[in-house]
Amino acid sequence: MEYAAVILSGATQQLQKLFNTDDLQQTQTLGELQHKVARAVLHLLQTDLNRLLHILYRIDVDERHVKQAMLLPSEPEMADRIAQLIIKRELQKAQTRFIYRSN
């Protein structure tokens, strides 16, 4: 398995646990993951903001970037931007795990 696929798979597995969903299981591309995470974020924005904030805290997404995203004019735009932040952070963490596991 190539490096990028391993990193994407690791990030996807972590996101499945955090969002407590199997919806991310069959994700093959970064774009597909982005779409699915944005959908999950939008759902939480509309139904359970506290849970979303807890997930963002656990993932350790930069609070300043989240605040900027929350200023966007529509919930779908907010969800998309927050999903980008979540995925970026999880990819960083997956990459770090891969590096330390390889050594």
N, C-alpha and C. Protein backbone atom coordinates (compact mmCIF):
# COMPACT_ATOMS: atom_id res chain seq x y z
N MET A 1 0.85 -1.18 0.00
CA MET A 1 0.00 0.00 0.00
C MET A 1 0.90 1.24 0.00
N GLU A 2 0.57 2.19 -0.83
CA GLU A 2 1.40 3.38 -0.92
C GLU A 2 1.21 4.29 0.30
N TYR A 3 2.20 5.12 0.53
CA TYR A 3 2.25 6.00 1.70
C TYR A 3 0.98 6.83 1.87
N ALA A 4 0.54 7.52 0.80
CA ALA A 4 -0.64 8.39 0.89
C ALA A 4 -1.89 7.60 1.27
N ALA A 5 -2.02 6.40 0.74
CA ALA A 5 -3.18 5.57 1.04
C ALA A 5 -3.16 5.13 2.51
N VAL A 6 -1.99 4.85 3.03
CA VAL A 6 -1.85 4.46 4.44
C VAL A 6 -2.25 5.61 5.35
N ILE A 7 -1.79 6.80 5.02
CA ILE A 7 -2.10 7.99 5.82
C ILE A 7 -3.60 8.28 5.77
N LEU A 8 -4.18 8.24 4.57
CA LEU A 8 -5.62 8.48 4.43
C LEU A 8 -6.42 7.45 5.20
N SER A 9 -6.01 6.21 5.12
CA SER A 9 -6.71 5.13 5.83
C SER A 9 -6.63 5.34 7.35
N GLY A 10 -5.46 5.72 7.85
CA GLY A 10 -5.30 5.97 9.28
C GLY A 10 -6.16 7.13 9.76
N ALA A 11 -6.20 8.19 8.98
CA ALA A 11 -7.02 9.35 9.34
C ALA A 11 -8.50 8.98 9.31
N THR A 12 -8.90 8.22 8.30
CA THR A 12 -10.30 7.82 8.17
C THR A 12 -10.73 6.96 9.36
N GLN A 13 -9.89 6.04 9.77
CA GLN A 13 -10.21 5.19 10.92
C GLN A 13 -10.41 6.02 12.18
N GLN A 14 -9.55 6.99 12.40
CA GLN A 14 -9.69 7.85 13.58
C GLN A 14 -10.97 8.66 13.52
N LEU A 15 -11.29 9.18 12.35
CA LEU A 15 -12.51 9.97 12.20
C LEU A 15 -13.76 9.13 12.41
N GLN A 16 -13.72 7.88 11.98
CA GLN A 16 -14.85 6.97 12.22
C GLN A 16 -15.10 6.83 13.72
N LYS A 17 -14.02 6.67 14.49
CA LYS A 17 -14.15 6.54 15.94
C LYS A 17 -14.70 7.82 16.56
N LEU A 18 -14.15 8.95 16.17
CA LEU A 18 -14.56 10.23 16.75
C LEU A 18 -16.01 10.58 16.45
N PHE A 19 -16.43 10.33 15.22
CA PHE A 19 -17.80 10.66 14.83
C PHE A 19 -18.75 9.51 15.09
N ASN A 20 -18.21 8.38 15.56
CA ASN A 20 -19.01 7.20 15.88
C ASN A 20 -19.93 6.82 14.71
N THR A 21 -19.30 6.62 13.55
CA THR A 21 -20.06 6.31 12.34
C THR A 21 -19.32 5.30 11.47
N ASP A 22 -20.07 4.52 10.74
CA ASP A 22 -19.49 3.62 9.76
C ASP A 22 -19.54 4.22 8.36
N ASP A 23 -20.12 5.40 8.25
CA ASP A 23 -20.30 6.06 6.96
C ASP A 23 -18.98 6.34 6.25
N LEU A 24 -17.90 6.46 7.00
CA LEU A 24 -16.61 6.81 6.41
C LEU A 24 -15.83 5.58 5.94
N GLN A 25 -16.32 4.39 6.26
CA GLN A 25 -15.59 3.15 6.00
C GLN A 25 -15.13 2.97 4.56
N GLN A 26 -15.97 3.19 3.61
CA GLN A 26 -15.66 2.91 2.20
C GLN A 26 -15.03 4.10 1.48
N THR A 27 -14.43 5.02 2.21
CA THR A 27 -13.85 6.22 1.62
C THR A 27 -12.55 5.87 0.88
N GLN A 28 -12.48 6.27 -0.39
CA GLN A 28 -11.31 5.96 -1.21
C GLN A 28 -10.44 7.17 -1.52
N THR A 29 -11.04 8.36 -1.52
CA THR A 29 -10.29 9.56 -1.90
C THR A 29 -10.45 10.66 -0.85
N LEU A 30 -9.55 11.59 -0.90
CA LEU A 30 -9.60 12.73 0.02
C LEU A 30 -10.86 13.55 -0.22
N GLY A 31 -11.25 13.72 -1.47
CA GLY A 31 -12.46 14.48 -1.80
C GLY A 31 -13.71 13.82 -1.24
N GLU A 32 -13.75 12.50 -1.33
CA GLU A 32 -14.89 11.74 -0.79
C GLU A 32 -14.93 11.86 0.73
N LEU A 33 -13.76 11.78 1.37
CA LEU A 33 -13.69 11.94 2.83
C LEU A 33 -14.16 13.33 3.22
N GLN A 34 -13.71 14.35 2.49
CA GLN A 34 -14.11 15.73 2.75
C GLN A 34 -15.64 15.87 2.72
N HIS A 35 -16.24 15.30 1.69
CA HIS A 35 -17.70 15.39 1.53
C HIS A 35 -18.42 14.72 2.71
N LYS A 36 -17.97 13.54 3.09
CA LYS A 36 -18.63 12.79 4.16
C LYS A 36 -18.45 13.46 5.52
N VAL A 37 -17.25 13.96 5.78
CA VAL A 37 -17.01 14.64 7.06
C VAL A 37 -17.81 15.95 7.11
N ALA A 38 -17.87 16.66 6.01
CA ALA A 38 -18.66 17.91 5.97
C ALA A 38 -20.13 17.62 6.26
N ARG A 39 -20.64 16.51 5.74
CA ARG A 39 -22.03 16.13 6.02
C ARG A 39 -22.22 15.85 7.50
N ALA A 40 -21.27 15.13 8.11
CA ALA A 40 -21.36 14.82 9.54
C ALA A 40 -21.26 16.10 10.37
N VAL A 41 -20.37 17.01 9.99
CA VAL A 41 -20.21 18.28 10.70
C VAL A 41 -21.48 19.11 10.59
N LEU A 42 -22.05 19.18 9.41
CA LEU A 42 -23.29 19.94 9.22
C LEU A 42 -24.40 19.39 10.11
N HIS A 43 -24.50 18.07 10.17
CA HIS A 43 -25.51 17.45 11.04
C HIS A 43 -25.30 17.87 12.49
N LEU A 44 -24.05 17.85 12.95
CA LEU A 44 -23.77 18.24 14.33
C LEU A 44 -23.98 19.74 14.55
N LEU A 45 -23.66 20.55 13.57
CA LEU A 45 -23.92 21.99 13.69
C LEU A 45 -25.40 22.25 13.93
N GLN A 46 -26.24 21.46 13.27
CA GLN A 46 -27.68 21.66 13.35
C GLN A 46 -28.33 20.97 14.54
N THR A 47 -27.69 19.93 15.08
CA THR A 47 -28.35 19.13 16.12
C THR A 47 -27.61 19.06 17.45
N ASP A 48 -26.28 19.15 17.44
CA ASP A 48 -25.54 18.93 18.68
C ASP A 48 -24.19 19.68 18.65
N LEU A 49 -24.27 20.98 18.77
CA LEU A 49 -23.07 21.82 18.71
C LEU A 49 -22.06 21.45 19.79
N ASN A 50 -22.52 21.11 20.98
CA ASN A 50 -21.59 20.74 22.06
C ASN A 50 -20.77 19.52 21.69
N ARG A 51 -21.39 18.53 21.06
CA ARG A 51 -20.65 17.33 20.65
C ARG A 51 -19.61 17.69 19.59
N LEU A 52 -19.98 18.55 18.64
CA LEU A 52 -19.03 18.99 17.62
C LEU A 52 -17.84 19.70 18.27
N LEU A 53 -18.12 20.59 19.20
CA LEU A 53 -17.03 21.31 19.88
C LEU A 53 -16.15 20.35 20.67
N HIS A 54 -16.73 19.34 21.26
CA HIS A 54 -15.96 18.31 21.98
C HIS A 54 -15.05 17.55 21.01
N ILE A 55 -15.57 17.20 19.85
CA ILE A 55 -14.76 16.50 18.84
C ILE A 55 -13.61 17.39 18.38
N LEU A 56 -13.89 18.65 18.12
CA LEU A 56 -12.84 19.58 17.69
C LEU A 56 -11.76 19.72 18.76
N TYR A 57 -12.17 19.74 20.02
CA TYR A 57 -11.22 19.82 21.13
C TYR A 57 -10.36 18.56 21.19
N ARG A 58 -10.99 17.40 21.06
CA ARG A 58 -10.25 16.13 21.10
C ARG A 58 -9.27 16.00 19.95
N ILE A 59 -9.66 16.48 18.79
CA ILE A 59 -8.78 16.40 17.62
C ILE A 59 -7.66 17.43 17.73
N ASP A 60 -7.89 18.48 18.50
CA ASP A 60 -6.93 19.57 18.69
C ASP A 60 -6.85 20.47 17.46
N VAL A 61 -8.02 20.83 16.95
CA VAL A 61 -8.09 21.78 15.83
C VAL A 61 -7.87 23.18 16.40
N ASP A 62 -7.12 23.99 15.68
CA ASP A 62 -6.80 25.35 16.12
C ASP A 62 -8.09 26.16 16.32
N GLU A 63 -8.28 26.64 17.53
CA GLU A 63 -9.51 27.35 17.91
C GLU A 63 -9.73 28.61 17.07
N ARG A 64 -8.65 29.30 16.73
CA ARG A 64 -8.78 30.53 15.90
C ARG A 64 -9.38 30.20 14.54
N HIS A 65 -8.94 29.08 13.96
CA HIS A 65 -9.46 28.70 12.64
C HIS A 65 -10.93 28.28 12.72
N VAL A 66 -11.29 27.63 13.82
CA VAL A 66 -12.69 27.24 14.00
C VAL A 66 -13.56 28.49 14.13
N LYS A 67 -13.10 29.47 14.90
CA LYS A 67 -13.85 30.71 15.06
C LYS A 67 -14.03 31.42 13.72
N GLN A 68 -12.98 31.42 12.89
CA GLN A 68 -13.09 32.03 11.57
C GLN A 68 -14.12 31.29 10.72
N ALA A 69 -14.11 29.98 10.79
CA ALA A 69 -15.07 29.17 10.02
C ALA A 69 -16.49 29.43 10.47
N MET A 70 -16.68 29.65 11.77
CA MET A 70 -18.02 29.88 12.30
C MET A 70 -18.59 31.24 11.85
N LEU A 71 -17.76 32.10 11.30
CA LEU A 71 -18.22 33.40 10.82
C LEU A 71 -18.68 33.35 9.37
N LEU A 72 -18.51 32.22 8.71
CA LEU A 72 -18.95 32.10 7.31
C LEU A 72 -20.46 32.26 7.22
N PRO A 73 -20.96 32.72 6.08
CA PRO A 73 -22.37 33.12 5.99
C PRO A 73 -23.40 31.98 6.04
N SER A 74 -23.02 30.75 5.73
CA SER A 74 -24.03 29.69 5.76
C SER A 74 -23.49 28.45 6.47
N GLU A 75 -24.40 27.66 7.01
CA GLU A 75 -23.99 26.44 7.71
C GLU A 75 -23.25 25.46 6.80
N PRO A 76 -23.68 25.25 5.55
CA PRO A 76 -22.92 24.35 4.68
C PRO A 76 -21.47 24.82 4.46
N GLU A 77 -21.28 26.14 4.33
CA GLU A 77 -19.91 26.66 4.18
C GLU A 77 -19.11 26.44 5.46
N MET A 78 -19.75 26.68 6.61
CA MET A 78 -19.10 26.43 7.89
C MET A 78 -18.69 24.97 8.00
N ALA A 79 -19.62 24.08 7.68
CA ALA A 79 -19.37 22.64 7.78
C ALA A 79 -18.22 22.22 6.88
N ASP A 80 -18.19 22.77 5.67
CA ASP A 80 -17.14 22.42 4.73
C ASP A 80 -15.78 22.86 5.24
N ARG A 81 -15.72 24.09 5.75
CA ARG A 81 -14.44 24.62 6.25
C ARG A 81 -13.99 23.87 7.50
N ILE A 82 -14.90 23.57 8.40
CA ILE A 82 -14.55 22.82 9.62
C ILE A 82 -14.10 21.42 9.25
N ALA A 83 -14.75 20.81 8.27
CA ALA A 83 -14.34 19.48 7.81
C ALA A 83 -12.91 19.52 7.27
N GLN A 84 -12.57 20.57 6.55
CA GLN A 84 -11.20 20.72 6.04
C GLN A 84 -10.20 20.79 7.19
N LEU A 85 -10.55 21.55 8.23
CA LEU A 85 -9.67 21.68 9.39
C LEU A 85 -9.50 20.35 10.11
N ILE A 86 -10.60 19.63 10.26
CA ILE A 86 -10.57 18.32 10.92
C ILE A 86 -9.69 17.35 10.15
N ILE A 87 -9.91 17.28 8.85
CA ILE A 87 -9.16 16.33 8.03
C ILE A 87 -7.68 16.69 8.00
N LYS A 88 -7.38 17.96 7.88
CA LYS A 88 -5.98 18.39 7.88
C LYS A 88 -5.28 17.94 9.17
N ARG A 89 -5.94 18.15 10.29
CA ARG A 89 -5.34 17.78 11.58
C ARG A 89 -5.20 16.26 11.71
N GLU A 90 -6.22 15.52 11.29
CA GLU A 90 -6.14 14.06 11.39
C GLU A 90 -5.10 13.48 10.44
N LEU A 91 -4.91 14.09 9.28
CA LEU A 91 -3.85 13.64 8.37
C LEU A 91 -2.47 13.89 8.98
N GLN A 92 -2.32 15.02 9.65
CA GLN A 92 -1.05 15.32 10.33
C GLN A 92 -0.76 14.26 11.40
N LYS A 93 -1.78 13.94 12.17
CA LYS A 93 -1.61 12.96 13.24
C LYS A 93 -1.34 11.56 12.68
N ALA A 94 -2.02 11.20 11.60
CA ALA A 94 -1.81 9.89 10.97
C ALA A 94 -0.38 9.80 10.42
N GLN A 95 0.10 10.90 9.86
CA GLN A 95 1.46 10.92 9.33
C GLN A 95 2.47 10.74 10.45
N THR A 96 2.26 11.41 11.55
CA THR A 96 3.16 11.28 12.70
C THR A 96 3.16 9.85 13.24
N ARG A 97 1.97 9.24 13.37
CA ARG A 97 1.89 7.85 13.82
C ARG A 97 2.64 6.92 12.88
N PHE A 98 2.49 7.15 11.57
CA PHE A 98 3.15 6.32 10.57
C PHE A 98 4.67 6.42 10.70
N ILE A 99 5.16 7.64 10.85
CA ILE A 99 6.61 7.87 10.96
C ILE A 99 7.17 7.16 12.19
N TYR A 100 6.51 7.31 13.33
CA TYR A 100 7.03 6.70 14.56
C TYR A 100 6.84 5.20 14.58
N ARG A 101 5.81 4.69 13.90
CA ARG A 101 5.62 3.25 13.80
C ARG A 101 6.68 2.63 12.90
N SER A 102 7.14 3.37 11.90
CA SER A 102 8.13 2.87 10.95
C SER A 102 9.53 2.81 11.54
N ASN A 103 9.80 3.62 12.55
CA ASN A 103 11.15 3.68 13.15
C ASN A 103 11.36 2.65 14.22
